[in-house]
Amino acid sequence: MSNTALPREAELRTWASRGIEVEGDVLVTRMPRLQAVVASGEKPAYATLRCWKDEQHRYIVDVKVQVTVALECQRCLSQCELELATQSSLCVVWNEDSIKELPSGYDPLIAGDVSDLHALVEEELLLALPAVPMHDVGDCEDVSRAFGDSTMEVVEEKESPFAALGALLKTPDAEDDKG
């Protein structure tokens, strides 16, 4: 993590023309949509933006973001800390019509003259959120204590639904019908 804050706004096309690279922190409290999803996020997100122009003179922004947040584990419903990390190459375009012309390696970033960098970082982190946040398998102790052993016993005791069909096929009456 750095001790500097990421600028709030930037003219990304100008930055790309000049080849500017910036890095800095963004507090989770400055990202309201992310803050609404996480259980807690005391540590700031660390972001690096590298702006440049490719061979076709497209404005490119390489974005790397990482942060550790606490989410509610969907297995045991307690907090679990997860590291969110994302990396993407965005091509700055004016409108949706320009998206069709982009090569597959770039994601579009529709932007006007000035872009909100904190919103960009927030969007990247929202895309990095897991669909179902959970601890690692052995870390949900309450769940494994409550359900672990008994669940395995129930699965082992359960009889196959086709066992009765197999028994019918092996009866002497079934052999008489064949002959």
Protein backbone atom coordinates (compact mmCIF):
# COMPACT_ATOMS: atom_id res chain seq x y z
CA MET A 1 0.00 0.00 0.00
CA SER A 2 1.14 3.51 -0.62
CA ASN A 3 0.81 6.65 1.44
CA THR A 4 -0.62 8.67 -1.43
CA ALA A 5 -4.21 8.90 -2.53
CA LEU A 6 -5.18 8.18 -6.11
CA PRO A 7 -6.43 11.36 -7.83
CA ARG A 8 -10.22 11.59 -8.00
CA GLU A 9 -10.47 12.66 -11.64
CA ALA A 10 -8.31 12.57 -14.75
CA GLU A 11 -8.35 13.30 -18.44
CA LEU A 12 -7.44 9.78 -19.51
CA ARG A 13 -6.87 10.61 -23.18
CA THR A 14 -4.36 13.30 -22.22
CA TRP A 15 -2.71 10.94 -19.76
CA ALA A 16 -2.47 8.24 -22.45
CA SER A 17 -0.93 10.70 -24.91
CA ARG A 18 1.70 11.57 -22.33
CA GLY A 19 2.27 8.00 -21.09
CA ILE A 20 1.40 8.82 -17.46
CA GLU A 21 1.43 6.13 -14.78
CA VAL A 22 -0.06 6.75 -11.33
CA GLU A 23 -0.58 4.68 -8.24
CA GLY A 24 -2.30 5.31 -4.98
CA ASP A 25 -4.91 4.34 -2.44
CA VAL A 26 -8.67 4.68 -2.59
CA LEU A 27 -10.60 4.36 0.66
CA VAL A 28 -13.52 1.96 0.61
CA THR A 29 -15.63 4.77 2.08
CA ARG A 30 -15.12 6.64 -1.23
CA MET A 31 -16.66 3.71 -3.13
CA PRO A 32 -20.31 3.58 -2.00
CA ARG A 33 -21.41 0.61 -4.14
CA LEU A 34 -18.53 -1.53 -2.88
CA GLN A 35 -19.05 -0.36 0.69
CA ALA A 36 -22.69 -1.49 0.50
CA VAL A 37 -21.60 -5.03 -0.43
CA VAL A 38 -18.69 -5.67 1.93
CA ALA A 39 -19.09 -6.36 5.64
CA SER A 40 -16.06 -4.21 6.36
CA GLY A 41 -13.22 -2.66 4.45
CA GLU A 42 -10.90 -0.77 6.73
CA LYS A 43 -7.88 -1.11 4.46
CA PRO A 44 -7.76 1.08 1.35
CA ALA A 45 -7.65 -0.33 -2.15
CA TYR A 46 -4.29 0.03 -3.88
CA ALA A 47 -4.52 0.91 -7.57
CA THR A 48 -2.04 1.37 -10.40
CA LEU A 49 -3.09 2.99 -13.66
CA ARG A 50 -0.75 3.01 -16.65
CA CYS A 51 -2.00 5.14 -19.54
CA TRP A 52 -0.54 4.79 -23.03
CA LYS A 53 -1.37 4.71 -26.75
CA ASP A 54 -1.13 1.56 -28.84
CA GLU A 55 0.02 1.25 -32.47
CA GLN A 56 -3.43 2.22 -33.78
CA HIS A 57 -3.39 5.35 -31.56
CA ARG A 58 -6.07 3.99 -29.24
CA TYR A 59 -6.02 5.34 -25.68
CA ILE A 60 -5.30 2.44 -23.32
CA VAL A 61 -5.47 2.32 -19.53
CA ASP A 62 -3.97 -0.71 -17.79
CA VAL A 63 -5.62 -1.00 -14.37
CA LYS A 64 -4.39 -3.12 -11.45
CA VAL A 65 -6.31 -3.02 -8.18
CA GLN A 66 -6.05 -5.00 -4.96
CA VAL A 67 -7.74 -4.78 -1.60
CA THR A 68 -8.59 -7.03 1.32
CA VAL A 69 -12.24 -6.89 2.36
CA ALA A 70 -14.44 -8.79 4.79
CA LEU A 71 -17.48 -10.45 3.26
CA GLU A 72 -20.13 -12.67 4.79
CA CYS A 73 -19.27 -16.32 4.25
CA GLN A 74 -22.27 -18.02 2.67
CA ARG A 75 -21.38 -21.34 4.28
CA CYS A 76 -21.13 -20.34 7.96
CA LEU A 77 -22.49 -16.74 7.81
CA SER A 78 -19.49 -15.30 9.67
CA GLN A 79 -17.05 -12.78 8.23
CA CYS A 80 -14.27 -13.98 5.99
CA GLU A 81 -11.44 -11.85 4.69
CA LEU A 82 -10.84 -12.12 0.97
CA GLU A 83 -8.17 -10.59 -1.21
CA LEU A 84 -9.69 -8.99 -4.29
CA ALA A 85 -7.24 -8.44 -7.10
CA THR A 86 -7.95 -7.46 -10.67
CA GLN A 87 -5.99 -6.52 -13.75
CA SER A 88 -7.44 -5.32 -17.03
CA SER A 89 -6.63 -3.32 -20.14
CA LEU A 90 -9.28 -0.75 -20.96
CA CYS A 91 -9.59 1.17 -24.20
CA VAL A 92 -11.04 4.64 -23.76
CA VAL A 93 -13.87 5.24 -26.24
CA TRP A 94 -16.38 8.05 -26.66
CA ASN A 95 -19.54 5.98 -27.21
CA GLU A 96 -20.95 2.47 -27.58
CA ASP A 97 -20.60 2.52 -31.37
CA SER A 98 -16.80 2.49 -30.99
CA ILE A 99 -16.91 -0.72 -28.95
CA LYS A 100 -17.52 -2.87 -32.04
CA GLU A 101 -14.12 -1.89 -33.46
CA LEU A 102 -12.08 -2.95 -30.41
CA PRO A 103 -9.79 -5.97 -30.51
CA SER A 104 -10.61 -8.78 -28.10
CA GLY A 105 -7.75 -7.96 -25.70
CA TYR A 106 -9.31 -4.67 -24.61
CA ASP A 107 -12.37 -3.97 -22.51
CA PRO A 108 -14.18 -0.74 -23.36
CA LEU A 109 -14.21 2.28 -21.07
CA ILE A 110 -16.78 4.80 -22.24
CA ALA A 111 -15.50 8.14 -21.02
CA GLY A 112 -16.01 11.82 -21.65
CA ASP A 113 -13.36 14.46 -21.21
CA VAL A 114 -12.88 13.80 -17.48
CA SER A 115 -13.12 10.37 -15.84
CA ASP A 116 -13.78 9.50 -12.20
CA LEU A 117 -10.84 7.27 -11.24
CA HIS A 118 -12.39 6.22 -7.92
CA ALA A 119 -15.48 4.98 -9.79
CA LEU A 120 -13.20 3.12 -12.20
CA VAL A 121 -11.39 1.39 -9.32
CA GLU A 122 -14.72 0.62 -7.67
CA GLU A 123 -16.09 -0.93 -10.87
CA GLU A 124 -13.03 -3.15 -11.21
CA LEU A 125 -13.40 -4.36 -7.61
CA LEU A 126 -17.12 -5.03 -8.03
CA LEU A 127 -16.30 -7.21 -11.02
CA ALA A 128 -13.71 -9.08 -8.92
CA LEU A 129 -16.18 -9.96 -6.14
CA PRO A 130 -16.89 -13.69 -5.91
CA ALA A 131 -20.45 -14.76 -6.70
CA VAL A 132 -20.58 -16.76 -3.46
CA PRO A 133 -18.02 -15.63 -0.88
CA MET A 134 -16.85 -18.46 1.37
CA HIS A 135 -13.99 -19.44 3.65
CA ASP A 136 -11.67 -22.17 2.45
CA VAL A 137 -13.17 -25.63 3.02
CA GLY A 138 -11.50 -26.31 6.38
CA ASP A 139 -11.92 -22.79 7.78
CA CYS A 140 -15.67 -22.99 8.47
CA GLU A 141 -15.30 -24.85 11.77
CA ASP A 142 -18.82 -24.26 13.06
CA VAL A 143 -20.32 -25.77 9.93
CA SER A 144 -18.00 -28.77 9.85
CA ARG A 145 -18.69 -29.47 13.53
CA ALA A 146 -22.44 -29.15 13.10
CA PHE A 147 -22.85 -30.95 9.78
CA GLY A 148 -19.55 -32.53 8.77
CA ASP A 149 -19.65 -36.02 10.31
CA SER A 150 -23.43 -36.53 10.35
CA THR A 151 -23.77 -35.47 6.72
CA MET A 152 -21.23 -38.07 5.65
CA GLU A 153 -23.07 -40.79 7.58
CA VAL A 154 -26.37 -39.94 5.93
CA VAL A 155 -24.81 -40.04 2.48
CA GLU A 156 -23.21 -43.42 3.17
CA GLU A 157 -26.44 -44.96 4.53
CA LYS A 158 -28.61 -43.79 1.63
CA GLU A 159 -29.58 -46.62 -0.70
CA SER A 160 -29.53 -46.22 -4.45
CA PRO A 161 -32.99 -45.71 -5.99
CA PHE A 162 -32.12 -48.35 -8.61
CA ALA A 163 -31.27 -51.04 -6.05
CA ALA A 164 -34.89 -52.26 -6.00
CA LEU A 165 -34.90 -52.50 -9.79
CA GLY A 166 -31.69 -54.53 -9.68
CA ALA A 167 -33.24 -56.87 -7.12
CA LEU A 168 -36.29 -57.42 -9.37
CA LEU A 169 -34.09 -58.29 -12.32
CA LYS A 170 -32.21 -60.93 -10.29
CA THR A 171 -35.32 -62.78 -8.95
CA PRO A 172 -36.02 -66.35 -10.13
CA ASP A 173 -39.36 -65.21 -11.65
CA ALA A 174 -37.46 -62.91 -14.01
CA GLU A 175 -35.27 -65.83 -15.16
CA ASP A 176 -38.38 -67.98 -15.87
CA ASP A 177 -39.79 -65.26 -18.11
CA LYS A 178 -36.66 -65.32 -20.26
CA GLY A 179 -36.76 -69.03 -20.92
